[in-house]
Amino acid sequence: MAKIRTLGPGTLTIGENTSVKEFMADVTKVTLTPKTDTEDTQTFLDGHDEAGEQTTSWTLEGTIKEDYSTDGLQRWCLANAGKSLPFTFVPSKLGGSQFTGNVQVAPVAIGGDVKKQNDIDFSFVATSIAAADHTPATE
């Protein structure tokens, strides 16, 4: 398979069953970001060292264009704030990978510069991250 190095066109959905919200038509940037923390190495009296425990946390973050319609993402995020919902992120429909997990939905900013199409950043804590195969679209 050829290497796919360009983000998009792809998909990003959050929710389940009949309440799935599609983000891809409003997202101009999306990143699934890991943060790994490692505890200090411990040295013992007998001279041996043990590496500290390593933990990784994830964030699904990005930028959306504001949409003041009744079914816009800002209203959806406000209505679903605090809920843990499943997500699926396909970075490229031409690629063979998709990433899934759960996100803790949080409200996002509303407003910005007058007479402008404002960019609004979002950041959701993500858990249970997994990679899976995705059947690529054919061009």
Protein backbone atom coordinates (compact mmCIF):
# COMPACT_ATOMS: atom_id res chain seq x y z
CA MET A 1 0.00 0.00 0.00
CA ALA A 2 1.24 3.50 -0.82
CA LYS A 3 2.06 5.84 2.04
CA ILE A 4 -0.72 8.28 2.85
CA ARG A 5 0.83 11.42 4.35
CA THR A 6 -1.94 14.00 3.98
CA LEU A 7 -4.62 14.51 6.62
CA GLY A 8 -8.01 14.40 4.93
CA PRO A 9 -10.37 13.93 3.47
CA GLY A 10 -11.33 11.87 6.49
CA THR A 11 -14.00 11.52 9.14
CA LEU A 12 -14.47 12.36 12.81
CA THR A 13 -17.63 11.25 14.59
CA ILE A 14 -18.56 11.39 18.26
CA GLY A 15 -21.52 9.62 19.82
CA GLU A 16 -23.35 6.38 19.35
CA ASN A 17 -26.34 4.92 17.56
CA THR A 18 -28.78 7.64 16.48
CA SER A 19 -26.97 10.42 18.35
CA VAL A 20 -23.71 10.37 16.35
CA LYS A 21 -22.42 13.89 15.61
CA GLU A 22 -20.28 14.36 12.52
CA PHE A 23 -17.46 16.85 13.08
CA MET A 24 -15.62 16.54 9.75
CA ALA A 25 -17.49 19.26 7.83
CA ASP A 26 -16.61 21.84 10.52
CA VAL A 27 -13.10 20.74 11.57
CA THR A 28 -10.09 22.50 10.05
CA LYS A 29 -7.56 20.79 12.32
CA VAL A 30 -7.71 17.60 14.40
CA THR A 31 -5.10 15.80 16.46
CA LEU A 32 -5.20 12.75 18.71
CA THR A 33 -2.34 13.65 21.07
CA PRO A 34 -0.60 11.38 23.60
CA LYS A 35 1.19 12.68 26.68
CA THR A 36 3.50 10.21 28.41
CA ASP A 37 4.69 10.76 31.98
CA THR A 38 7.41 8.68 33.61
CA GLU A 39 8.11 8.52 37.32
CA ASP A 40 11.72 8.92 38.45
CA THR A 41 13.99 5.88 38.45
CA GLN A 42 14.48 4.45 41.92
CA THR A 43 17.87 3.29 43.18
CA PHE A 44 17.92 0.61 45.87
CA LEU A 45 20.42 -0.07 48.66
CA ASP A 46 21.84 -3.09 46.82
CA GLY A 47 22.74 -0.80 43.90
CA HIS A 48 20.14 -1.85 41.33
CA ASP A 49 17.83 0.63 39.61
CA GLU A 50 14.19 0.22 38.68
CA ALA A 51 12.62 2.42 36.03
CA GLY A 52 9.66 4.49 37.12
CA GLU A 53 6.16 3.65 36.00
CA GLN A 54 5.10 5.14 32.69
CA THR A 55 1.56 6.35 32.01
CA THR A 56 0.06 7.81 28.86
CA SER A 57 -2.95 10.10 28.66
CA TRP A 58 -4.66 11.22 25.45
CA THR A 59 -6.45 14.30 24.16
CA LEU A 60 -8.61 14.70 21.06
CA GLU A 61 -8.17 18.30 20.03
CA GLY A 62 -8.57 20.55 17.08
CA THR A 63 -10.14 23.61 15.55
CA ILE A 64 -13.67 24.12 14.27
CA LYS A 65 -15.33 26.94 12.35
CA GLU A 66 -18.12 28.55 14.33
CA ASP A 67 -21.65 27.57 13.38
CA TYR A 68 -24.50 29.43 15.08
CA SER A 69 -27.21 27.17 13.68
CA THR A 70 -29.36 25.13 16.05
CA ASP A 71 -27.45 21.94 15.20
CA GLY A 72 -23.97 23.55 15.27
CA LEU A 73 -21.07 21.96 17.11
CA GLN A 74 -20.94 24.62 19.82
CA ARG A 75 -24.52 23.91 20.90
CA TRP A 76 -23.92 20.17 20.63
CA CYS A 77 -20.80 20.40 22.84
CA LEU A 78 -22.69 22.46 25.43
CA ALA A 79 -25.63 20.03 25.44
CA ASN A 80 -23.30 17.02 25.80
CA ALA A 81 -20.74 18.54 28.19
CA GLY A 82 -19.55 16.02 30.76
CA LYS A 83 -20.69 12.97 28.81
CA SER A 84 -18.27 10.20 27.90
CA LEU A 85 -19.01 9.23 24.30
CA PRO A 86 -17.32 6.95 21.76
CA PHE A 87 -15.47 8.50 18.83
CA THR A 88 -14.04 7.32 15.53
CA PHE A 89 -11.30 9.25 13.72
CA VAL A 90 -10.30 8.29 10.18
CA PRO A 91 -7.42 10.62 9.23
CA SER A 92 -7.69 9.79 5.53
CA LYS A 93 -10.35 7.83 3.67
CA LEU A 94 -7.55 6.67 1.36
CA GLY A 95 -5.50 5.24 4.25
CA GLY A 96 -5.99 1.97 6.03
CA SER A 97 -6.16 3.21 9.63
CA GLN A 98 -8.81 4.43 11.99
CA PHE A 99 -8.59 5.33 15.68
CA THR A 100 -11.32 4.83 18.25
CA GLY A 101 -11.91 5.47 21.92
CA ASN A 102 -14.04 7.55 24.23
CA VAL A 103 -13.96 11.29 24.83
CA GLN A 104 -15.18 13.44 27.69
CA VAL A 105 -17.12 16.15 25.85
CA ALA A 106 -16.46 19.70 27.05
CA PRO A 107 -18.07 22.99 26.06
CA VAL A 108 -16.20 25.18 23.57
CA ALA A 109 -15.91 28.93 23.22
CA ILE A 110 -18.59 30.96 21.48
CA GLY A 111 -17.86 34.21 19.66
CA GLY A 112 -14.80 36.06 18.45
CA ASP A 113 -14.09 38.80 15.95
CA VAL A 114 -17.15 40.57 14.55
CA LYS A 115 -17.90 39.99 10.85
CA LYS A 116 -15.43 37.11 10.75
CA GLN A 117 -15.76 33.35 10.48
CA ASN A 118 -14.07 32.54 13.75
CA ASP A 119 -11.95 29.50 14.57
CA ILE A 120 -12.71 27.82 17.89
CA ASP A 121 -10.38 25.30 19.51
CA PHE A 122 -11.66 22.19 21.27
CA SER A 123 -9.92 19.76 23.59
CA PHE A 124 -11.52 16.59 24.92
CA VAL A 125 -9.88 14.09 27.27
CA ALA A 126 -9.70 10.76 25.42
CA THR A 127 -9.49 7.23 26.84
CA SER A 128 -9.41 3.62 25.59
CA ILE A 129 -7.53 4.60 22.43
CA ALA A 130 -7.20 1.83 19.87
CA ALA A 131 -6.05 1.56 16.27
CA ALA A 132 -7.96 -0.56 13.79
CA ASP A 133 -7.96 -1.27 10.09
CA HIS A 134 -10.09 0.89 7.85
CA THR A 135 -11.08 -0.14 4.33
CA PRO A 136 -9.60 2.57 2.12
CA ALA A 137 -11.77 4.36 -0.40
CA THR A 138 -10.76 4.05 -4.00
CA GLU A 139 -10.01 7.23 -5.87
